[in-house]
Protein backbone atom coordinates (compact mmCIF):
# COMPACT_ATOMS: atom_id res chain seq x y z
CA MET A 1 -30.61 -2.31 98.31
CA LYS A 2 -32.16 -5.36 96.63
CA ASN A 3 -34.98 -4.77 94.19
CA VAL A 4 -38.57 -5.58 95.19
CA GLN A 5 -39.70 -9.17 94.76
CA LEU A 6 -42.68 -9.34 92.44
CA SER A 7 -45.20 -12.16 92.30
CA GLU A 8 -44.94 -14.28 89.18
CA ARG A 9 -48.01 -12.54 87.77
CA LEU A 10 -46.61 -9.03 88.23
CA PHE A 11 -43.15 -10.13 87.09
CA ALA A 12 -44.77 -11.30 83.84
CA ALA A 13 -46.37 -7.88 83.42
CA ALA A 14 -43.08 -6.10 84.04
CA SER A 15 -41.24 -8.37 81.60
CA LEU A 16 -43.52 -7.23 78.75
CA VAL A 17 -42.63 -3.53 79.23
CA PRO A 18 -40.25 -2.31 76.49
CA LYS A 19 -36.90 -1.02 77.72
CA GLY A 20 -36.66 2.78 77.85
CA SER A 21 -40.40 3.28 78.37
CA ARG A 22 -42.15 6.12 80.11
CA VAL A 23 -44.85 4.25 81.99
CA ALA A 24 -48.30 4.97 83.38
CA ASP A 25 -49.13 2.32 86.00
CA VAL A 26 -52.90 2.24 86.50
CA GLY A 27 -54.00 0.75 89.81
CA THR A 28 -50.48 0.79 91.20
CA ASP A 29 -51.50 -0.56 94.62
CA HIS A 30 -48.25 -0.86 96.64
CA GLY A 31 -46.12 0.66 93.87
CA PHE A 32 -43.95 -2.44 93.48
CA VAL A 33 -44.16 -2.66 89.68
CA PRO A 34 -42.93 0.95 89.16
CA ILE A 35 -40.09 0.39 91.66
CA TYR A 36 -39.06 -2.80 89.87
CA LEU A 37 -39.20 -1.14 86.43
CA ILE A 38 -36.99 1.77 87.50
CA ASN A 39 -34.48 -0.35 89.43
CA GLU A 40 -34.09 -2.76 86.50
CA ASN A 41 -33.54 0.20 84.10
CA ILE A 42 -36.59 -0.85 82.09
CA ALA A 43 -38.52 2.39 82.58
CA GLU A 44 -37.10 5.91 82.60
CA HIS A 45 -40.03 7.45 84.48
CA VAL A 46 -43.30 6.16 85.94
CA VAL A 47 -46.55 7.91 86.78
CA ALA A 48 -48.07 5.55 89.36
CA MET A 49 -51.81 6.06 89.77
CA ASP A 50 -54.52 4.64 91.97
CA VAL A 51 -58.15 5.54 92.57
CA ASN A 52 -57.79 5.03 96.36
CA GLU A 53 -55.70 7.14 98.74
CA GLY A 54 -54.77 4.23 101.03
CA PRO A 55 -52.77 2.22 98.47
CA LEU A 56 -51.25 5.43 97.14
CA GLU A 57 -49.93 6.32 100.60
CA ARG A 58 -48.36 2.86 100.93
CA ALA A 59 -46.87 3.20 97.45
CA LYS A 60 -45.44 6.61 98.44
CA GLU A 61 -43.71 5.03 101.47
CA HIS A 62 -42.20 2.26 99.33
CA VAL A 63 -41.04 4.67 96.62
CA HIS A 64 -39.37 6.87 99.25
CA GLU A 65 -37.79 3.83 100.91
CA TYR A 66 -36.07 2.98 97.62
CA GLY A 67 -35.05 6.61 97.02
CA LEU A 68 -37.03 6.89 93.79
CA ASP A 69 -39.12 9.99 94.53
CA GLU A 70 -37.76 11.80 91.47
CA LYS A 71 -38.40 8.95 89.04
CA ILE A 72 -41.80 7.73 90.24
CA GLU A 73 -44.60 10.27 90.45
CA LEU A 74 -47.64 9.25 92.49
CA ARG A 75 -51.05 10.50 91.48
CA LEU A 76 -54.64 10.01 92.68
CA SER A 77 -56.56 9.12 89.55
CA ASP A 78 -59.60 7.19 88.36
CA GLY A 79 -57.99 5.19 85.57
CA LEU A 80 -56.09 7.44 83.16
CA LYS A 81 -58.09 10.60 83.86
CA GLU A 82 -55.22 12.48 85.53
CA LEU A 83 -52.58 11.44 82.98
CA LEU A 84 -51.60 14.27 80.67
CA GLU A 85 -51.02 13.90 76.95
CA GLY A 86 -47.44 12.86 76.17
CA GLU A 87 -46.53 11.90 79.75
CA ALA A 88 -46.27 8.18 78.96
CA ASP A 89 -45.79 5.92 75.96
CA THR A 90 -46.56 2.67 77.83
CA MET A 91 -49.38 1.72 80.14
CA VAL A 92 -49.51 -1.10 82.72
CA CYS A 93 -52.89 -2.19 84.05
CA ALA A 94 -53.05 -5.50 85.91
CA GLY A 95 -55.30 -7.27 88.37
CA MET A 96 -58.78 -5.92 87.70
CA GLY A 97 -61.87 -7.17 85.92
CA GLY A 98 -62.10 -7.03 82.15
CA LEU A 99 -65.19 -4.78 82.12
CA LEU A 100 -63.53 -2.23 84.44
CA MET A 101 -60.41 -2.29 82.29
CA MET A 102 -62.51 -1.71 79.17
CA ARG A 103 -64.09 1.31 80.87
CA ILE A 104 -60.64 2.68 81.72
CA LEU A 105 -59.53 2.30 78.10
CA LYS A 106 -62.74 3.86 76.74
CA GLU A 107 -62.79 6.84 79.10
CA GLY A 108 -59.03 7.36 79.43
CA ASP A 109 -58.25 7.61 75.69
CA PRO A 110 -54.73 6.12 76.00
CA VAL A 111 -54.01 6.36 72.27
CA GLY A 112 -54.98 10.03 72.20
CA LYS A 113 -52.61 10.63 75.13
CA GLY A 114 -49.69 9.10 73.24
CA ILE A 115 -49.66 5.56 74.65
CA LYS A 116 -48.49 3.03 72.06
CA THR A 117 -47.94 -0.04 74.24
CA MET A 118 -50.36 -1.43 76.84
CA ILE A 119 -49.55 -4.25 79.25
CA LEU A 120 -52.95 -5.54 80.32
CA GLN A 121 -54.03 -8.35 82.62
CA PRO A 122 -57.82 -8.56 82.78
CA GLN A 123 -59.05 -11.12 85.30
CA SER A 124 -62.46 -11.76 83.73
CA ASP A 125 -64.53 -11.34 80.55
CA LEU A 126 -61.60 -12.24 78.30
CA VAL A 127 -63.75 -12.88 75.21
CA ASN A 128 -65.44 -9.49 75.47
CA PHE A 129 -62.12 -7.85 76.29
CA ARG A 130 -60.22 -9.26 73.30
CA THR A 131 -63.21 -8.48 71.06
CA PHE A 132 -63.12 -4.88 72.30
CA LEU A 133 -59.39 -4.64 71.53
CA SER A 134 -59.90 -6.02 68.02
CA GLU A 135 -62.79 -3.65 67.29
CA ASN A 136 -60.63 -0.68 68.35
CA ASN A 137 -57.59 -1.65 66.22
CA LEU A 138 -55.55 -2.53 69.29
CA VAL A 139 -53.35 -5.50 68.39
CA ILE A 140 -52.20 -8.18 70.85
CA ASP A 141 -48.58 -8.81 69.84
CA ASP A 142 -47.48 -10.85 72.87
CA GLU A 143 -49.18 -12.88 75.61
CA MET A 144 -48.23 -14.92 78.66
CA GLU A 145 -50.31 -17.42 80.61
CA ILE A 146 -49.35 -17.63 84.29
CA PHE A 147 -50.44 -20.16 86.93
CA GLU A 148 -50.09 -18.75 90.43
CA GLU A 149 -51.58 -19.91 93.72
CA GLY A 150 -54.18 -22.10 92.04
CA LYS A 151 -55.34 -19.55 89.47
CA TYR A 152 -54.61 -18.90 85.80
CA TYR A 153 -53.84 -15.36 84.65
CA THR A 154 -53.47 -14.03 81.12
CA MET A 155 -51.03 -11.20 80.48
CA MET A 156 -51.10 -9.41 77.12
CA ARG A 157 -49.06 -6.73 75.41
CA VAL A 158 -51.19 -4.60 73.13
CA ARG A 159 -49.97 -2.19 70.46
CA SER A 160 -51.83 0.83 69.09
CA ASP A 161 -49.22 1.25 66.34
CA PHE A 162 -48.83 -2.33 65.06
CA SER A 163 -47.14 -2.20 61.65
CA GLY A 164 -46.74 -5.86 60.63
CA ASP A 165 -48.20 -7.31 57.44
CA ILE A 166 -50.47 -9.67 59.39
CA THR A 167 -51.59 -9.50 63.02
CA PRO A 168 -51.16 -12.49 65.35
CA GLU A 169 -54.96 -12.76 65.50
CA GLU A 170 -55.23 -13.01 61.71
CA GLU A 171 -52.42 -15.55 61.65
CA ALA A 172 -54.03 -17.67 64.39
CA VAL A 173 -57.46 -17.50 62.72
CA ASN A 174 -55.93 -18.69 59.44
CA GLU A 175 -54.21 -21.60 61.20
CA ILE A 176 -57.40 -22.70 62.97
CA VAL A 177 -59.44 -22.48 59.75
CA GLU A 178 -56.85 -24.40 57.72
CA ARG A 179 -55.94 -27.10 60.24
CA CYS A 180 -59.25 -27.61 62.02
CA GLY A 181 -61.80 -26.91 59.30
CA CYS A 182 -63.59 -24.22 61.35
CA ASP A 183 -65.38 -21.32 59.74
CA LYS A 184 -63.75 -17.93 60.26
CA GLU A 185 -66.35 -16.65 62.73
CA ARG A 186 -65.74 -19.58 65.09
CA ALA A 187 -61.97 -19.28 64.67
CA VAL A 188 -62.15 -15.61 65.70
CA HIS A 189 -64.23 -16.56 68.75
CA ILE A 190 -61.68 -19.21 69.73
CA CYS A 191 -58.86 -16.65 69.44
CA HIS A 192 -60.77 -14.18 71.60
CA ARG A 193 -61.44 -16.88 74.16
CA PHE A 194 -57.93 -18.30 74.50
CA GLY A 195 -55.55 -15.73 73.00
CA PRO A 196 -54.07 -15.64 69.48
CA VAL A 197 -50.41 -15.50 70.53
CA LEU A 198 -50.84 -18.27 73.11
CA ILE A 199 -52.47 -20.44 70.43
CA LEU A 200 -49.77 -19.70 67.85
CA ARG A 201 -47.02 -20.36 70.39
CA LYS A 202 -48.62 -23.63 71.59
CA ASP A 203 -48.16 -22.25 75.09
CA PRO A 204 -47.68 -25.07 77.66
CA VAL A 205 -49.49 -23.24 80.49
CA LEU A 206 -52.44 -22.60 78.17
CA LYS A 207 -52.48 -26.34 77.44
CA ASP A 208 -52.65 -27.07 81.19
CA TYR A 209 -55.52 -24.60 81.50
CA LEU A 210 -57.40 -26.16 78.58
CA GLU A 211 -57.04 -29.66 79.99
CA HIS A 212 -58.21 -28.44 83.39
CA GLU A 213 -61.27 -26.73 81.88
CA LEU A 214 -62.08 -29.86 79.87
CA SER A 215 -62.17 -31.98 83.03
CA VAL A 216 -64.39 -29.40 84.77
CA TYR A 217 -66.88 -29.41 81.88
CA ASP A 218 -66.90 -33.23 81.81
CA LYS A 219 -67.86 -33.30 85.49
CA ILE A 220 -70.64 -30.75 84.94
CA LEU A 221 -72.04 -32.69 81.99
CA LYS A 222 -72.28 -35.88 84.06
CA LYS A 223 -74.47 -34.08 86.60
CA LEU A 224 -76.87 -32.50 84.11
CA SER A 225 -80.02 -34.18 82.88
CA GLU A 226 -80.49 -33.81 79.11
CA ASN A 227 -84.24 -33.25 79.46
CA GLU A 228 -83.95 -30.49 82.07
CA HIS A 229 -80.80 -28.68 80.93
CA THR A 230 -80.73 -28.90 77.13
CA ASP A 231 -79.47 -25.33 76.53
CA ARG A 232 -76.88 -25.59 79.31
CA MET A 233 -75.61 -28.88 77.92
CA ARG A 234 -75.39 -27.49 74.40
CA ASP A 235 -73.39 -24.50 75.69
CA ILE A 236 -70.94 -26.73 77.57
CA ILE A 237 -70.51 -29.05 74.57
CA ASN A 238 -69.72 -26.02 72.37
CA LYS A 239 -67.16 -24.82 74.92
CA LYS A 240 -65.61 -28.28 75.05
CA ASN A 241 -65.41 -28.32 71.25
CA ASP A 242 -63.52 -25.00 71.30
CA ILE A 243 -61.03 -26.49 73.75
CA THR A 244 -60.49 -29.70 71.80
CA THR A 245 -60.01 -27.64 68.64
CA VAL A 246 -57.13 -25.72 70.24
CA LEU A 247 -55.65 -28.86 71.82
CA SER A 248 -55.62 -30.50 68.37
CA LEU A 249 -53.11 -27.84 67.27
CA TYR A 250 -50.51 -28.97 69.81
């Protein structure tokens, strides 16, 4: 039987999972990512969890269809609440808002449960999300920017046990400060907005996204009156400056 066909976004998430992992898939939906991970011999075992019974039932049907009942365990769970300590070393959480994902990480205590690698794809609040990771010593060590069906998605691999001499964020901040003359605080903000690894890698899809955002802001600025929207204009100009700073690194 052929393996499941993942969307480009979910394929990117799966590709960041280390081989030999024991995975907790949070918000498994149809169960396609766990099936793919097992069939490709990337994961040894998956606990596939969802907060809703409907998606879990569909996932159960798909898992059974592929004969993977013994390798994929399905569990009704709000985030990581029903995951036991030591059951997984890797977590996948894709396709939900950044604030919800932050709540799952805060309440679920993944590090305390033995999770060392997190594959995360927040769909909003990226600045707050990356700031949260940094403040909790969770290091982004890989990132992917995906364009699918007219939308941009950011995939990140996060480590709780990063052991390098310098984190990608520190490296990217240093590069922005040295090459662009920014102060450190602004360089950190730029990294949290656009992603340290994507910036270091000069990611081509990130560049497309930046150029797209720049054109959007230009159109907004043309419509605003300086007298009526001073604060709004200042905010957009600052956002444009962040973008041009990153583009100057390419």
